[in-house]
């Protein structure tokens, strides 16, 4: 179980890559009776359908099977597969397999986790996100250490600063912080752990967003070039369909960006009025959006990854571009739009 290496050094292992991905769920994470299934993965494809990946070859190839065909793969384990299929079907309905969405979705479905480390980001990813975390941890450092500059190389280092304060003034500030939060000093480490994990999730999702948005802009420009060709431009219905879908993609990314800006404002409000209740509300707000943020990002990232794989040099004739848009981008796009629209509506209600 787990992974052989999680030191953040060298080439990432398959387990590290799976834990840090939006679209991969190693089935060893959940209790299944069929040995062959436990070695497989659930993955989302670019059309946002969930399939079982039985094996992955070197390069882009892999053996993928539709959920309903899984029982036929294990004729010698009929009873075990039958007992596992309800769990597989439940898992297939989850919109994103990122670790933060999985924590919520698995709990909601009553599905146990055999190795809780599988629901945490890898050491490599946490190191990668350290710089992004500084914006969220700086208010904490100022509360405990004042203006002193603290050198950290990993999120864990940030948390250790508070768990093991190295000077008397810091300890006094921690006592003051515990009073304002209305929790015991001995509970401060748990608060810091919760705080760190909460904002690590935001840093993770924001990194995904920041990486995919420039790719979306390049993709949209690539498609618009095709619409300038007379053969395509004369098909008004086609041009209208693609323009509307491109506007939807822009609306989705704009709305998602707006949600992150709202979280930033709420976190600043917390530090302006530190107490247990404001932190509880902040945590519940952000966690309530984990599954929808994960679902939207998973869909966008998968579609952009497929575009980059099919057209690595961003070439391709106009007809190929249009056909790719219609056959690979449009399927599932309305689902992504629905997720984001409902989540944004709920956020406005909570404002």
Protein backbone atom coordinates (compact mmCIF):
# COMPACT_ATOMS: atom_id res chain seq x y z
CA UNK A 1 0.00 0.00 0.00
CA UNK A 2 1.05 3.62 -0.42
CA UNK A 3 4.16 4.49 -2.37
CA UNK A 4 7.76 3.44 -2.25
CA UNK A 5 9.11 6.96 -2.31
CA UNK A 6 7.66 10.34 -1.41
CA UNK A 7 10.74 12.49 -0.86
CA UNK A 8 10.09 15.13 -3.50
CA UNK A 9 13.34 14.21 -5.25
CA UNK A 10 14.07 12.51 -8.55
CA UNK A 11 11.45 11.31 -11.00
CA UNK A 12 7.90 11.22 -9.58
CA UNK A 13 6.53 7.76 -8.93
CA UNK A 14 3.25 6.56 -10.42
CA UNK A 15 1.66 6.81 -6.98
CA UNK A 16 2.80 10.42 -6.56
CA UNK A 17 1.40 11.35 -9.94
CA UNK A 18 -1.93 9.69 -9.12
CA UNK A 19 -2.25 11.41 -5.73
CA UNK A 20 -1.57 14.82 -7.24
CA UNK A 21 -3.88 14.37 -10.25
CA UNK A 22 -7.44 15.56 -10.69
CA UNK A 23 -8.54 12.61 -12.79
CA UNK A 24 -6.96 9.46 -11.30
CA UNK A 25 -8.18 7.29 -8.42
CA UNK A 26 -5.97 4.29 -7.52
CA UNK A 27 -8.43 1.58 -6.51
CA UNK A 28 -6.02 0.38 -3.85
CA UNK A 29 -7.28 3.41 -1.92
CA UNK A 30 -10.67 1.80 -1.24
CA UNK A 31 -11.61 -1.66 0.12
CA UNK A 32 -12.26 -4.01 -2.80
CA UNK A 33 -12.36 -7.80 -2.82
CA UNK A 34 -11.07 -8.40 -6.37
CA UNK A 35 -7.23 -8.47 -6.47
CA UNK A 36 -7.10 -7.41 -10.11
CA UNK A 37 -9.29 -4.39 -9.45
CA UNK A 38 -7.16 -3.29 -6.54
CA UNK A 39 -4.24 -2.93 -8.96
CA UNK A 40 -6.32 -0.83 -11.38
CA UNK A 41 -7.32 2.84 -11.46
CA UNK A 42 -10.49 4.74 -12.10
CA UNK A 43 -9.77 7.60 -14.47
CA UNK A 44 -11.73 10.38 -16.12
CA UNK A 45 -11.38 10.71 -19.87
CA UNK A 46 -11.61 13.95 -21.85
CA UNK A 47 -15.37 13.49 -22.26
CA UNK A 48 -15.61 13.30 -18.46
CA UNK A 49 -16.66 9.66 -18.52
CA UNK A 50 -15.23 7.42 -15.80
CA UNK A 51 -13.52 4.26 -17.00
CA UNK A 52 -11.38 1.58 -15.36
CA UNK A 53 -7.74 1.66 -16.41
CA UNK A 54 -6.48 -1.90 -16.09
CA UNK A 55 -2.92 -1.14 -17.16
CA UNK A 56 -0.82 1.74 -18.43
CA UNK A 57 1.88 1.19 -21.02
CA UNK A 58 4.94 3.36 -21.52
CA UNK A 59 3.82 6.53 -23.24
CA UNK A 60 0.21 7.62 -23.70
CA UNK A 61 -1.33 4.16 -24.16
CA UNK A 62 -3.41 2.39 -21.53
CA UNK A 63 -5.98 -0.37 -21.25
CA UNK A 64 -9.31 1.30 -20.50
CA UNK A 65 -12.61 -0.48 -19.94
CA UNK A 66 -16.13 0.88 -19.53
CA UNK A 67 -17.59 0.32 -16.06
CA UNK A 68 -20.28 -2.12 -17.26
CA UNK A 69 -17.67 -4.35 -18.91
CA UNK A 70 -15.58 -4.81 -15.78
CA UNK A 71 -17.25 -8.06 -14.57
CA UNK A 72 -16.28 -9.80 -17.80
CA UNK A 73 -12.59 -9.13 -17.13
CA UNK A 74 -12.49 -11.32 -14.03
CA UNK A 75 -14.39 -14.55 -14.80
CA UNK A 76 -12.53 -16.42 -12.03
CA UNK A 77 -13.57 -13.85 -9.40
CA UNK A 78 -17.28 -13.55 -10.13
CA UNK A 79 -18.48 -13.24 -6.53
CA UNK A 80 -15.78 -10.73 -5.58
CA UNK A 81 -16.46 -8.56 -8.63
CA UNK A 82 -20.20 -8.61 -7.98
CA UNK A 83 -19.58 -7.41 -4.44
CA UNK A 84 -17.23 -4.66 -5.70
CA UNK A 85 -19.38 -3.29 -8.53
CA UNK A 86 -21.71 -1.15 -6.33
CA UNK A 87 -18.65 0.63 -4.95
CA UNK A 88 -17.16 1.08 -8.43
CA UNK A 89 -20.41 2.55 -9.72
CA UNK A 90 -20.58 4.95 -6.79
CA UNK A 91 -17.02 6.08 -7.36
CA UNK A 92 -17.72 6.62 -11.06
CA UNK A 93 -20.23 9.37 -10.21
CA UNK A 94 -17.59 11.56 -8.51
CA UNK A 95 -16.72 14.57 -10.69
CA UNK A 96 -13.07 14.85 -9.67
CA UNK A 97 -10.58 12.44 -8.12
CA UNK A 98 -8.37 15.07 -6.49
CA UNK A 99 -7.59 14.22 -2.86
CA UNK A 100 -9.72 17.04 -1.43
CA UNK A 101 -12.85 16.10 -3.36
CA UNK A 102 -12.29 12.44 -2.53
CA UNK A 103 -12.16 13.11 1.21
CA UNK A 104 -15.64 14.61 1.03
CA UNK A 105 -17.16 12.30 -1.57
CA UNK A 106 -15.93 9.04 -0.03
CA UNK A 107 -17.19 10.08 3.41
CA UNK A 108 -20.57 11.04 1.95
CA UNK A 109 -20.87 7.62 0.32
CA UNK A 110 -19.73 5.71 3.39
CA UNK A 111 -16.71 4.27 1.55
CA UNK A 112 -13.79 3.53 3.85
CA UNK A 113 -10.20 4.46 3.01
CA UNK A 114 -7.51 1.89 3.73
CA UNK A 115 -4.50 4.22 3.55
CA UNK A 116 -5.24 7.84 4.47
CA UNK A 117 -1.90 8.93 3.02
CA UNK A 118 -3.50 8.31 -0.38
CA UNK A 119 -5.79 11.26 0.36
CA UNK A 120 -2.94 13.72 0.86
CA UNK A 121 -0.81 15.50 -1.70
CA UNK A 122 2.64 14.05 -2.24
CA UNK A 123 5.71 15.57 -0.60
CA UNK A 124 6.80 16.70 -4.07
CA UNK A 125 3.59 18.64 -4.64
CA UNK A 126 3.67 20.22 -1.18
CA UNK A 127 7.20 21.49 -1.84
CA UNK A 128 6.06 22.79 -5.21
CA UNK A 129 3.22 24.71 -3.57
CA UNK A 130 5.31 26.29 -0.80
CA UNK A 131 5.65 29.65 -2.56
CA UNK A 132 1.92 29.81 -3.24
CA UNK A 133 1.27 29.00 0.43
CA UNK A 134 3.24 32.02 1.66
CA UNK A 135 0.31 34.34 0.95
CA UNK A 136 -1.84 32.30 3.32
CA UNK A 137 0.77 31.59 6.00
CA UNK A 138 2.25 35.09 6.20
CA UNK A 139 -0.60 36.41 8.40
CA UNK A 140 0.03 33.49 10.77
CA UNK A 141 3.76 34.18 10.88
CA UNK A 142 3.11 37.85 11.59
CA UNK A 143 0.76 36.92 14.44
CA UNK A 144 3.33 34.66 16.09
CA UNK A 145 6.72 36.07 15.09
CA UNK A 146 5.87 39.68 14.30
CA UNK A 147 7.90 41.16 11.46
CA UNK A 148 10.70 38.62 11.72
CA UNK A 149 11.49 36.95 8.39
CA UNK A 150 11.22 33.19 8.68
CA UNK A 151 12.89 30.98 6.10
CA UNK A 152 10.87 27.95 5.02
CA UNK A 153 11.35 25.43 2.23
CA UNK A 154 8.19 23.38 2.62
CA UNK A 155 4.68 23.67 3.98
CA UNK A 156 5.67 21.30 6.80
CA UNK A 157 8.39 23.77 7.82
CA UNK A 158 5.75 26.48 8.13
CA UNK A 159 3.63 24.35 10.41
CA UNK A 160 6.63 23.37 12.54
CA UNK A 161 7.31 27.05 13.21
CA UNK A 162 4.12 27.15 15.20
CA UNK A 163 4.20 23.70 16.72
CA UNK A 164 7.69 24.35 18.11
CA UNK A 165 8.09 28.11 18.73
CA UNK A 166 11.73 29.00 19.30
CA UNK A 167 11.43 32.08 21.49
CA UNK A 168 9.43 33.25 24.47
CA UNK A 169 7.66 36.05 22.63
CA UNK A 170 6.39 33.57 20.04
CA UNK A 171 4.99 31.41 22.81
CA UNK A 172 3.23 34.43 24.33
CA UNK A 173 1.78 35.26 20.92
CA UNK A 174 0.55 31.69 20.53
CA UNK A 175 -1.20 32.00 23.89
CA UNK A 176 -2.81 35.22 22.69
CA UNK A 177 -3.87 33.49 19.48
CA UNK A 178 -5.41 30.63 21.46
CA UNK A 179 -7.39 33.16 23.51
CA UNK A 180 -8.72 34.89 20.40
CA UNK A 181 -9.64 31.56 18.82
CA UNK A 182 -11.22 30.44 22.08
CA UNK A 183 -9.33 27.17 22.05
CA UNK A 184 -6.82 25.68 24.47
CA UNK A 185 -3.12 26.25 23.84
CA UNK A 186 -2.74 22.48 23.47
CA UNK A 187 -5.27 22.63 20.61
CA UNK A 188 -3.23 25.18 18.66
CA UNK A 189 -1.23 22.50 16.77
CA UNK A 190 -4.51 20.99 15.51
CA UNK A 191 -5.75 24.42 14.44
CA UNK A 192 -2.49 25.07 12.62
CA UNK A 193 -2.71 21.70 10.90
CA UNK A 194 -6.29 22.42 9.81
CA UNK A 195 -5.35 25.92 8.68
CA UNK A 196 -2.35 24.65 6.71
CA UNK A 197 -4.32 21.88 5.05
CA UNK A 198 -7.20 24.21 4.17
CA UNK A 199 -4.99 26.72 2.42
CA UNK A 200 -2.82 24.02 0.89
CA UNK A 201 -6.00 22.91 -0.87
CA UNK A 202 -6.57 26.43 -2.18
CA UNK A 203 -2.95 26.68 -3.34
CA UNK A 204 -3.31 23.33 -5.12
CA UNK A 205 -6.50 24.28 -6.93
CA UNK A 206 -5.20 27.76 -7.75
CA UNK A 207 -2.09 26.24 -9.30
CA UNK A 208 -4.31 24.03 -11.48
CA UNK A 209 -6.32 27.11 -12.50
CA UNK A 210 -3.26 29.25 -13.19
CA UNK A 211 -1.79 26.52 -15.39
CA UNK A 212 -4.92 25.77 -17.42
CA UNK A 213 -6.17 29.32 -18.10
CA UNK A 214 -3.25 30.34 -20.39
CA UNK A 215 -3.70 27.03 -22.25
CA UNK A 216 -7.40 27.80 -22.71
CA UNK A 217 -6.57 31.21 -24.17
CA UNK A 218 -4.14 29.63 -26.64
CA UNK A 219 -6.69 26.97 -27.53
CA UNK A 220 -9.45 29.52 -28.16
CA UNK A 221 -7.17 31.55 -30.43
CA UNK A 222 -6.23 28.32 -32.27
CA UNK A 223 -9.90 27.57 -32.91
CA UNK A 224 -10.74 31.13 -33.93
CA UNK A 225 -8.08 30.94 -36.64
CA UNK A 226 -10.05 28.11 -38.24
CA UNK A 227 -13.22 30.19 -38.26
CA UNK A 228 -11.58 32.73 -40.56
CA UNK A 229 -11.37 30.23 -43.41
CA UNK A 230 -14.12 30.94 -45.92
CA UNK A 231 -15.29 27.32 -46.11
CA UNK A 232 -15.98 27.35 -42.37
CA UNK A 233 -16.97 31.00 -41.96
CA UNK A 234 -19.81 30.50 -44.43
CA UNK A 235 -21.40 27.92 -42.11
CA UNK A 236 -23.12 30.39 -39.81
CA UNK A 237 -24.65 27.75 -37.57
CA UNK A 238 -21.25 26.14 -36.98
CA UNK A 239 -19.57 29.46 -36.25
CA UNK A 240 -22.35 30.37 -33.83
CA UNK A 241 -22.05 27.01 -32.06
CA UNK A 242 -18.29 27.39 -31.57
CA UNK A 243 -18.55 31.04 -30.55
CA UNK A 244 -21.18 30.20 -27.92
CA UNK A 245 -19.09 27.33 -26.57
CA UNK A 246 -16.02 29.56 -26.39
CA UNK A 247 -18.05 32.15 -24.46
CA UNK A 248 -19.17 29.40 -22.09
CA UNK A 249 -15.55 28.41 -21.49
CA UNK A 250 -14.67 32.04 -20.80
CA UNK A 251 -17.61 32.39 -18.42
CA UNK A 252 -16.58 29.22 -16.58
CA UNK A 253 -12.98 30.33 -16.05
CA UNK A 254 -14.10 33.86 -15.10
CA UNK A 255 -16.57 32.55 -12.54
CA UNK A 256 -14.01 30.14 -11.10
CA UNK A 257 -11.46 32.93 -10.79
CA UNK A 258 -14.10 34.99 -9.01
CA UNK A 259 -14.61 32.23 -6.47
CA UNK A 260 -10.92 32.28 -5.58
CA UNK A 261 -11.04 36.05 -5.18
CA UNK A 262 -13.96 35.62 -2.80
CA UNK A 263 -11.99 33.11 -0.73
CA UNK A 264 -9.09 35.58 -0.55
CA UNK A 265 -11.43 38.26 0.78
CA UNK A 266 -12.91 35.89 3.36
CA UNK A 267 -9.46 34.86 4.57
CA UNK A 268 -8.47 38.53 5.02
CA UNK A 269 -11.69 39.08 6.95
CA UNK A 270 -10.73 36.21 9.24
CA UNK A 271 -7.39 37.80 10.16
CA UNK A 272 -9.14 41.12 10.75
CA UNK A 273 -11.45 39.44 13.28
CA UNK A 274 -9.80 36.26 14.56
CA UNK A 275 -12.07 33.94 16.50
CA UNK A 276 -13.22 30.34 16.42
CA UNK A 277 -16.49 31.17 14.68
CA UNK A 278 -14.95 33.14 11.78
CA UNK A 279 -12.46 30.34 11.15
CA UNK A 280 -15.21 27.72 11.28
CA UNK A 281 -17.24 29.67 8.71
CA UNK A 282 -14.19 30.18 6.50
CA UNK A 283 -13.27 26.50 6.61
CA UNK A 284 -16.83 25.36 5.90
CA UNK A 285 -17.12 27.80 3.00
CA UNK A 286 -13.92 26.66 1.30
CA UNK A 287 -14.50 22.97 1.91
CA UNK A 288 -18.05 23.26 0.56
CA UNK A 289 -16.52 24.32 -2.75
CA UNK A 290 -13.82 21.64 -2.97
CA UNK A 291 -15.89 19.19 -5.01
CA UNK A 292 -17.21 21.76 -7.48
CA UNK A 293 -13.83 23.43 -7.97
CA UNK A 294 -12.30 20.00 -8.46
CA UNK A 295 -15.02 18.97 -10.91
CA UNK A 296 -14.69 22.09 -13.05
CA UNK A 297 -10.89 22.03 -13.08
CA UNK A 298 -10.80 18.31 -13.81
CA UNK A 299 -12.93 18.81 -16.91
CA UNK A 300 -10.98 21.82 -18.19
CA UNK A 301 -7.57 20.25 -17.56
CA UNK A 302 -8.50 16.97 -19.26
CA UNK A 303 -9.72 18.76 -22.37
CA UNK A 304 -6.62 20.95 -22.62
CA UNK A 305 -4.35 17.95 -22.00
CA UNK A 306 -6.02 16.11 -24.89
CA UNK A 307 -5.62 19.14 -27.16
CA UNK A 308 -1.90 19.35 -26.35
CA UNK A 309 -1.50 15.60 -26.95
CA UNK A 310 -3.32 15.66 -30.30
CA UNK A 311 -1.76 18.91 -31.54
CA UNK A 312 1.57 19.25 -29.70
CA UNK A 313 2.78 22.04 -32.00
CA UNK A 314 -0.65 23.77 -32.16
CA UNK A 315 -0.94 23.03 -35.85
CA UNK A 316 -3.67 21.19 -37.74
CA UNK A 317 -5.83 22.30 -40.63
CA UNK A 318 -9.04 24.31 -40.10
CA UNK A 319 -11.34 21.34 -40.62
CA UNK A 320 -9.36 19.22 -38.15
CA UNK A 321 -9.54 22.01 -35.59
CA UNK A 322 -13.27 22.38 -35.92
CA UNK A 323 -13.82 18.63 -35.82
CA UNK A 324 -11.69 18.33 -32.67
CA UNK A 325 -13.69 21.10 -31.02
CA UNK A 326 -17.01 19.48 -31.85
CA UNK A 327 -16.03 15.89 -31.05
CA UNK A 328 -13.82 16.40 -27.97
CA UNK A 329 -14.47 19.81 -26.43
CA UNK A 330 -18.23 20.07 -26.67
CA UNK A 331 -19.05 16.68 -25.05
CA UNK A 332 -19.25 17.30 -21.30
CA UNK A 333 -18.86 21.08 -21.56
CA UNK A 334 -22.46 21.70 -20.53
CA UNK A 335 -21.86 19.54 -17.43
CA UNK A 336 -18.83 21.66 -16.46
CA UNK A 337 -20.90 24.80 -17.01
CA UNK A 338 -23.73 23.47 -14.81
CA UNK A 339 -21.31 22.65 -11.96
CA UNK A 340 -19.77 26.12 -12.02
CA UNK A 341 -23.07 27.96 -12.39
CA UNK A 342 -24.61 26.19 -9.39
CA UNK A 343 -21.48 26.67 -7.26
CA UNK A 344 -21.28 30.39 -8.09
CA UNK A 345 -24.96 30.76 -7.24
CA UNK A 346 -24.41 29.13 -3.85
CA UNK A 347 -21.42 31.35 -3.16
CA UNK A 348 -23.45 34.49 -3.85
CA UNK A 349 -26.12 33.28 -1.45
CA UNK A 350 -23.49 32.81 1.28
CA UNK A 351 -22.08 36.30 0.75
